[in-house]
Protein backbone atom coordinates (compact mmCIF):
# COMPACT_ATOMS: atom_id res chain seq x y z
CA MET A 1 51.59 34.88 -90.91
CA GLU A 2 49.47 35.49 -87.80
CA ASP A 3 50.85 37.32 -84.87
CA LYS A 4 51.27 35.13 -81.77
CA ASN A 5 49.84 37.87 -79.68
CA ASP A 6 46.60 37.60 -81.62
CA ILE A 7 46.32 33.81 -81.02
CA ILE A 8 47.10 33.66 -77.30
CA PRO A 9 44.28 35.94 -76.14
CA MET A 10 41.78 33.91 -78.15
CA ILE A 11 42.90 30.64 -76.49
CA GLU A 12 42.64 32.22 -73.04
CA LEU A 13 39.21 33.57 -73.88
CA ASP A 14 38.03 30.15 -75.01
CA ASP A 15 39.33 28.60 -71.80
CA LEU A 16 37.51 31.21 -69.75
CA LYS A 17 34.31 30.53 -71.65
CA ASP A 18 34.62 26.82 -70.93
CA ASP A 19 35.20 27.52 -67.24
CA LYS A 20 32.16 29.75 -67.11
CA ILE A 21 30.02 26.92 -68.54
CA GLU A 22 31.38 24.13 -66.29
CA GLU A 23 31.52 26.03 -63.01
CA PRO A 24 27.79 26.74 -62.67
CA PHE A 25 27.00 23.07 -63.44
CA GLN A 26 29.39 21.82 -60.74
CA ILE A 27 28.02 24.26 -58.22
CA GLN A 28 24.49 23.20 -59.03
CA GLU A 29 25.43 19.57 -58.47
CA VAL A 30 27.04 20.39 -55.13
CA LYS A 31 24.06 22.48 -54.10
CA LYS A 32 21.71 19.72 -55.20
CA VAL A 33 23.52 17.15 -53.12
CA SER A 34 23.74 19.58 -50.22
CA ASN A 35 20.02 20.33 -50.39
CA GLN A 36 19.22 16.63 -50.47
CA LYS A 37 21.33 16.08 -47.37
CA LYS A 38 19.66 19.00 -45.62
CA LYS A 39 16.22 17.68 -46.51
CA LYS A 40 17.18 14.21 -45.31
CA THR A 41 18.59 15.65 -42.08
CA LYS A 42 15.43 17.71 -41.53
CA LYS A 43 13.30 14.64 -42.21
CA VAL A 44 15.29 12.56 -39.73
CA LYS A 45 15.07 15.35 -37.13
CA LYS A 46 11.34 15.69 -37.72
CA ILE A 47 10.82 11.95 -37.33
CA ALA A 48 12.96 11.93 -34.16
CA TYR A 49 11.02 14.92 -32.83
CA ASN A 50 7.68 13.25 -33.57
CA VAL A 51 8.81 10.00 -31.97
CA ALA A 52 10.07 11.89 -28.92
CA MET A 53 6.78 13.77 -28.64
CA ILE A 54 4.81 10.55 -28.93
CA VAL A 55 6.95 8.93 -26.24
CA LEU A 56 6.55 11.96 -23.95
CA ILE A 57 2.80 12.02 -24.53
CA CYS A 58 2.59 8.31 -23.78
CA ILE A 59 4.62 8.79 -20.60
CA PHE A 60 2.42 11.73 -19.57
CA VAL A 61 -0.81 9.89 -20.31
CA GLY A 62 0.49 6.75 -18.58
CA SER A 63 1.63 8.69 -15.51
CA ALA A 64 -1.60 10.66 -15.37
CA SER A 65 -3.66 7.50 -15.73
CA TYR A 66 -1.63 5.81 -13.00
CA LEU A 67 -2.06 8.73 -10.61
CA ILE A 68 -5.76 9.05 -11.33
CA ASN A 69 -6.25 5.32 -10.81
CA TYR A 70 -4.04 5.36 -7.69
CA TYR A 71 -6.05 8.06 -5.97
CA TRP A 72 -9.33 6.73 -7.31
CA GLN A 73 -8.61 3.40 -5.65
CA ALA A 74 -7.80 5.24 -2.42
CA LYS A 75 -11.10 7.09 -2.71
CA LYS A 76 -12.90 3.78 -3.19
CA VAL A 77 -11.29 2.48 0.00
CA ASP A 78 -12.60 5.48 1.94
CA SER A 79 -16.07 5.18 0.42
CA LYS A 80 -16.26 1.46 1.15
CA SER A 81 -15.09 1.92 4.74
CA ASP A 82 -17.72 4.62 5.28
CA GLU A 83 -20.37 2.40 3.74
CA LEU A 84 -19.43 -0.52 6.01
CA LYS A 85 -19.22 1.67 9.10
CA ASP A 86 -22.82 2.67 8.53
CA MET A 87 -23.72 -1.01 8.80
CA ILE A 88 -22.38 -1.24 12.36
CA VAL A 89 -25.37 -0.67 14.60
CA ASP A 90 -25.60 -0.06 18.33
CA ASN A 91 -29.15 -1.25 18.75
CA VAL A 92 -29.45 -4.14 16.34
CA ASP A 93 -32.97 -5.05 17.42
CA GLU A 94 -34.23 -1.88 15.74
CA ASP A 95 -32.04 -1.98 12.64
CA ILE A 96 -32.06 -5.55 11.34
CA ASP A 97 -34.50 -8.43 11.14
CA THR A 98 -33.44 -10.48 14.17
CA GLU A 99 -36.03 -13.20 13.51
CA LYS A 100 -33.84 -14.78 10.85
CA TYR A 101 -31.01 -15.27 13.36
CA GLU A 102 -30.63 -17.78 16.13
CA GLU A 103 -29.91 -15.60 19.15
CA VAL A 104 -27.66 -16.67 21.97
CA GLU A 105 -27.58 -15.48 25.52
CA SER A 106 -26.78 -11.81 25.92
CA VAL A 107 -23.61 -10.92 27.80
CA ILE A 108 -22.83 -7.96 30.02
CA ASP A 109 -19.31 -6.74 29.21
CA ASP A 110 -16.78 -5.17 31.59
CA ASP A 111 -18.25 -1.72 30.98
CA GLY A 112 -21.71 -2.89 31.98
CA ASN A 113 -23.01 -2.89 28.41
CA LYS A 114 -25.29 -5.57 27.03
CA VAL A 115 -23.79 -7.47 24.11
CA ASP A 116 -26.03 -9.63 21.91
CA TYR A 117 -24.91 -12.38 19.57
CA VAL A 118 -26.36 -14.23 16.61
CA TYR A 119 -25.31 -17.29 14.65
CA ILE A 120 -24.55 -16.76 10.97
CA ASN A 121 -23.63 -19.88 9.00
CA GLY A 122 -22.85 -21.53 12.31
CA VAL A 123 -20.50 -18.74 13.42
CA LYS A 124 -21.17 -16.74 16.59
CA CYS A 125 -21.12 -13.04 15.76
CA GLN A 126 -21.85 -9.83 17.60
CA LYS A 127 -25.15 -8.48 16.38
CA LYS A 128 -23.60 -5.09 15.65
CA PHE A 129 -21.43 -6.73 12.97
CA ALA A 130 -24.12 -9.07 11.62
CA ILE A 131 -24.86 -7.13 8.41
CA ILE A 132 -21.17 -6.79 7.53
CA TYR A 133 -20.42 -10.43 8.30
CA GLU A 134 -23.33 -11.56 6.13
CA LYS A 135 -21.88 -9.58 3.21
CA ASN A 136 -18.49 -11.27 3.59
CA ASN A 137 -17.74 -14.13 5.96
CA ASP A 138 -14.00 -13.31 5.78
CA PHE A 139 -14.69 -10.28 7.98
CA ILE A 140 -13.40 -10.78 11.53
CA GLY A 141 -13.44 -7.33 13.09
CA TRP A 142 -12.88 -3.60 12.95
CA LEU A 143 -9.67 -1.73 13.80
CA THR A 144 -9.66 1.94 14.83
CA LEU A 145 -6.88 4.30 15.83
CA ASP A 146 -8.44 7.55 17.02
CA GLY A 147 -7.20 10.73 15.39
CA THR A 148 -5.97 8.90 12.26
CA VAL A 149 -7.41 7.52 9.02
CA ILE A 150 -7.02 3.99 10.42
CA ASP A 151 -10.64 2.98 10.72
CA TYR A 152 -10.96 -0.20 8.67
CA PRO A 153 -12.43 -3.70 8.56
CA VAL A 154 -10.05 -6.61 9.17
CA MET A 155 -10.24 -9.81 7.17
CA GLN A 156 -8.87 -13.34 7.54
CA THR A 157 -8.65 -16.12 4.94
CA ILE A 158 -7.30 -19.35 6.37
CA ASN A 159 -6.59 -21.00 3.01
CA ASP A 160 -4.96 -17.97 1.38
CA GLU A 161 -3.41 -15.62 3.92
CA GLU A 162 -2.58 -12.82 1.46
CA TYR A 163 -5.87 -12.91 -0.44
CA TYR A 164 -6.68 -9.33 0.61
CA LEU A 165 -3.18 -8.00 0.01
CA HIS A 166 -4.41 -6.29 -3.19
CA ARG A 167 -8.17 -6.71 -2.86
CA ASP A 168 -10.91 -4.64 -1.29
CA PHE A 169 -13.64 -5.87 1.06
CA ASP A 170 -15.63 -7.22 -1.88
CA GLY A 171 -12.67 -9.14 -3.27
CA LYS A 172 -12.11 -6.76 -6.19
CA TYR A 173 -8.62 -5.60 -7.12
CA ASN A 174 -7.40 -2.55 -5.23
CA GLY A 175 -3.73 -1.68 -4.74
CA ASN A 176 -4.47 -0.43 -1.22
CA GLY A 177 -5.63 -3.87 -0.19
CA THR A 178 -7.53 -4.51 3.05
CA LEU A 179 -6.20 -5.11 6.55
CA PHE A 180 -5.89 -8.85 7.21
CA ALA A 181 -4.89 -11.12 10.07
CA ASP A 182 -2.20 -13.79 9.90
CA THR A 183 -3.70 -17.26 9.50
CA ASP A 184 -1.93 -18.38 12.70
CA SER A 185 -3.89 -15.79 14.69
CA ASN A 186 -6.87 -17.25 16.48
CA ILE A 187 -9.59 -14.64 16.65
CA GLU A 188 -12.23 -16.64 18.50
CA LYS A 189 -10.09 -18.00 21.33
CA PRO A 190 -8.16 -15.59 21.04
CA SER A 191 -4.46 -16.43 20.69
CA ASP A 192 -1.85 -14.69 22.86
CA ASN A 193 -1.01 -12.49 19.89
CA ILE A 194 -3.09 -11.46 16.88
CA LEU A 195 -0.91 -10.26 14.00
CA ILE A 196 -2.54 -7.84 11.56
CA TYR A 197 -0.96 -6.72 8.28
CA GLY A 198 -1.60 -3.58 6.26
CA HIS A 199 0.07 -1.69 3.41
CA ASN A 200 2.18 1.42 3.96
CA MET A 201 0.46 3.52 1.31
CA LYS A 202 2.00 6.81 0.18
CA ASN A 203 -1.51 8.23 -0.05
CA GLY A 204 -1.72 7.86 3.73
CA ARG A 205 -4.17 4.93 3.76
CA MET A 206 -4.02 1.59 5.51
CA PHE A 207 -1.10 1.36 8.01
CA HIS A 208 0.93 4.31 6.72
CA GLU A 209 0.30 6.30 9.90
CA ILE A 210 1.65 3.70 12.32
CA LEU A 211 5.17 4.68 11.16
CA ASN A 212 4.61 7.84 13.21
CA TYR A 213 5.04 5.72 16.33
CA ALA A 214 8.77 6.10 15.75
CA ASP A 215 8.23 9.51 17.37
CA GLU A 216 7.66 9.46 21.15
CA ASN A 217 5.38 12.50 20.96
CA TYR A 218 3.11 10.67 18.55
CA TYR A 219 2.98 7.70 20.90
CA ASN A 220 1.99 9.96 23.78
CA GLU A 221 -0.96 11.21 21.74
CA HIS A 222 -1.99 7.79 20.37
CA LYS A 223 -1.57 5.27 23.17
CA TYR A 224 -4.72 3.29 22.51
CA ILE A 225 -6.00 1.10 19.70
CA GLN A 226 -9.53 -0.27 19.41
CA PHE A 227 -9.96 -3.69 17.87
CA ASP A 228 -13.48 -5.10 18.02
CA THR A 229 -13.94 -8.59 16.61
CA ILE A 230 -17.09 -10.45 15.71
CA TYR A 231 -16.68 -12.19 19.09
CA CYS A 232 -15.87 -9.34 21.45
CA ASP A 233 -14.68 -5.74 21.75
CA GLY A 234 -11.15 -4.87 22.78
CA LYS A 235 -9.21 -1.80 23.79
CA TYR A 236 -5.42 -2.10 23.57
CA GLU A 237 -2.57 0.01 24.93
CA VAL A 238 0.66 0.35 22.96
CA ILE A 239 3.71 -1.19 24.65
CA ALA A 240 6.29 -1.16 21.82
CA ALA A 241 6.94 0.34 18.38
CA PHE A 242 10.02 -0.49 16.33
CA THR A 243 11.67 -1.05 12.97
CA THR A 244 12.86 -4.54 12.05
CA LYS A 245 12.87 -6.80 8.99
CA ILE A 246 11.84 -10.12 7.53
CA TYR A 247 14.84 -12.41 7.97
CA ASP A 248 16.13 -15.43 6.10
CA VAL A 249 14.78 -18.81 7.16
CA ASP A 250 18.13 -19.74 8.74
CA TYR A 251 18.22 -16.63 10.94
CA THR A 252 17.98 -17.67 14.59
CA GLY A 253 17.38 -14.24 16.13
CA PHE A 254 14.12 -12.56 17.10
CA LYS A 255 11.32 -12.74 14.53
CA TYR A 256 8.23 -10.90 15.71
CA TYR A 257 6.08 -12.55 13.01
CA ASN A 258 6.52 -16.04 14.49
CA PHE A 259 4.86 -15.40 17.84
CA PHE A 260 1.20 -16.31 18.32
CA GLU A 261 0.93 -18.65 21.31
CA ALA A 262 3.34 -18.74 24.24
CA ASP A 263 4.24 -22.25 25.35
CA SER A 264 5.65 -20.79 28.55
CA GLU A 265 5.96 -17.58 30.53
CA GLU A 266 9.59 -17.35 29.41
CA GLU A 267 8.57 -17.40 25.76
CA PHE A 268 5.97 -14.68 26.34
CA ASN A 269 8.45 -12.51 28.24
CA TYR A 270 11.08 -13.00 25.53
CA PHE A 271 8.69 -11.65 22.91
CA VAL A 272 7.68 -8.62 24.98
CA GLU A 273 11.24 -7.79 26.07
CA SER A 274 12.57 -8.14 22.51
CA CYS A 275 9.90 -5.76 21.21
CA LYS A 276 10.59 -3.20 23.93
CA ASN A 277 14.36 -3.41 23.42
CA LEU A 278 13.90 -2.55 19.74
CA THR A 279 11.79 0.51 20.60
CA ASN A 280 13.97 3.65 20.39
CA TYR A 281 12.32 5.40 23.36
CA ASP A 282 10.99 4.31 26.73
CA ILE A 283 7.39 3.14 26.96
CA PRO A 284 6.68 2.54 30.65
CA VAL A 285 3.73 0.22 30.00
CA THR A 286 4.54 -3.45 29.54
CA ALA A 287 2.69 -6.77 29.29
CA SER A 288 2.68 -9.78 31.58
CA TYR A 289 2.15 -13.46 30.91
CA GLY A 290 -1.56 -14.01 30.39
CA ASP A 291 -2.16 -10.67 28.65
CA LYS A 292 -3.55 -10.69 25.13
CA LEU A 293 -1.66 -8.78 22.44
CA ILE A 294 -2.18 -7.41 18.96
CA THR A 295 0.67 -6.63 16.59
CA LEU A 296 0.29 -4.26 13.65
CA SER A 297 2.81 -4.74 10.85
CA THR A 298 3.55 -2.73 7.72
CA CYS A 299 6.40 -2.22 5.26
CA ALA A 300 9.14 0.25 6.24
CA THR A 301 10.19 2.65 3.49
CA SER A 302 13.94 2.10 3.90
CA ASP A 303 14.12 -1.54 2.84
CA ASP A 304 11.96 -3.97 0.86
CA ALA A 305 12.35 -6.46 3.70
CA GLY A 306 12.02 -3.75 6.33
CA ARG A 307 8.99 -3.68 8.61
CA PHE A 308 7.56 -1.26 11.14
CA VAL A 309 5.73 -2.89 13.99
CA VAL A 310 3.43 -1.71 16.78
CA VAL A 311 2.57 -4.02 19.68
CA ALA A 312 -0.26 -3.36 22.12
CA LYS A 313 -1.82 -5.27 25.03
CA LYS A 314 -5.50 -5.67 25.76
CA ILE A 315 -6.65 -3.71 28.78
CA GLU A 316 -9.77 -4.28 30.89
């Protein structure tokens, strides 16, 4: 008969042998699953990383392209303005073929200078602007504010007031747009007030600089605006500069953008007084009934409906 002590150790040994066989297999399975999860996680992370990098690259390329295009368009505005300025001539008889024009009587202006006119497509035009007007009959004049970048042509399109809102002089798309006059402004007559619009560009172009009129010191250094039209030259003195907004149709208060012709002296005075009351500093110069005005309008940065406005009167 076998001793129990001889049997028990053998059973325990067999059990241990079985454990040693099963344990490595289980561990391998766990490790296999774990490795698969790690690989899957790494794959997901790699995909997410690649997607993120692609998105960032797209954003960078898009932003860079936008900035390049933004400043390229601004450069084109400057180049076009310089090109057109070179077409303004003081002595037209020597610079253009006057035989193709029907000349009208020369006029001596208030400064004693001789001003010659020609007819182009039936429109009377100062000879100095003849070449520009022939290139684009929407051209009505040139606006200059000394000491600033504001030195641009002004357009007017009766059938589509905002045609040049995002177009250059040639009618091609440009986010800077071109200065343009309200269709209710009469340039030839002219109306009591000529309203001119321009963008407030962050690159400093168009009417961005007129926002500086909020500062009295700036006003003191920039009191005068030159606006020469195809019909006559004009020097204007600033009488008001203020921030306002475009109001709802039902609003019954002062709307600077609705004034072009005064039906009475009271209406003219109301416009001038309202503009001066909105100005946050005292401008001693004012306008009287019978004076001719120009109003420059641009977007204010604080509000989509906000506007900054400069009003000036024509001086002899």
